Amino acid sequence: MKKIVMVLLAVGGALVARRKLEESKAEQALWAQATDPLNS
């Protein structure tokens, strides 16, 4: 039972980390677009 809980926690942690990474990439792309001197 403990192994199942640990696996579920690991999977949950990986999903949270992946979501944070995608949000970070999206925000970085937004800033790159907003600060691009060619768009001025």
Protein backbone atom coordinates (compact mmCIF):
# COMPACT_ATOMS: atom_id res chain seq x y z
CA MET A 1 0.00 0.00 0.00
CA LYS A 2 2.82 2.40 0.85
CA LYS A 3 4.42 1.79 -2.54
CA ILE A 4 1.21 2.78 -4.33
CA VAL A 5 0.97 5.99 -2.30
CA MET A 6 4.60 6.82 -3.03
CA VAL A 7 4.13 6.21 -6.75
CA LEU A 8 1.01 8.40 -6.80
CA LEU A 9 2.86 11.17 -4.96
CA ALA A 10 5.77 10.94 -7.40
CA VAL A 11 3.43 11.11 -10.39
CA GLY A 12 1.56 14.04 -8.86
CA GLY A 13 4.81 15.87 -8.20
CA ALA A 14 5.96 15.28 -11.77
CA LEU A 15 2.68 16.65 -13.13
CA VAL A 16 2.95 19.77 -10.98
CA ALA A 17 6.55 20.31 -12.07
CA ARG A 18 5.60 19.88 -15.72
CA ARG A 19 2.76 22.39 -15.40
CA LYS A 20 5.06 24.93 -13.75
CA LEU A 21 7.64 24.45 -16.51
CA GLU A 22 5.01 25.02 -19.23
CA GLU A 23 3.73 28.14 -17.45
CA SER A 24 7.28 29.44 -17.17
CA LYS A 25 7.92 28.87 -20.87
CA ALA A 26 4.66 30.61 -21.79
CA GLU A 27 5.51 33.61 -19.61
CA GLN A 28 9.02 33.77 -21.05
CA ALA A 29 7.62 33.74 -24.59
CA LEU A 30 5.18 36.50 -23.67
CA TRP A 31 7.98 38.65 -22.26
CA ALA A 32 10.13 37.99 -25.31
CA GLN A 33 7.29 39.14 -27.55
CA ALA A 34 6.56 42.21 -25.40
CA THR A 35 10.20 43.31 -25.31
CA ASP A 36 11.09 42.48 -28.92
CA PRO A 37 12.47 45.69 -30.47
CA LEU A 38 11.16 44.71 -33.93
CA ASN A 39 7.55 44.88 -32.73
CA SER A 40 7.84 48.53 -31.65
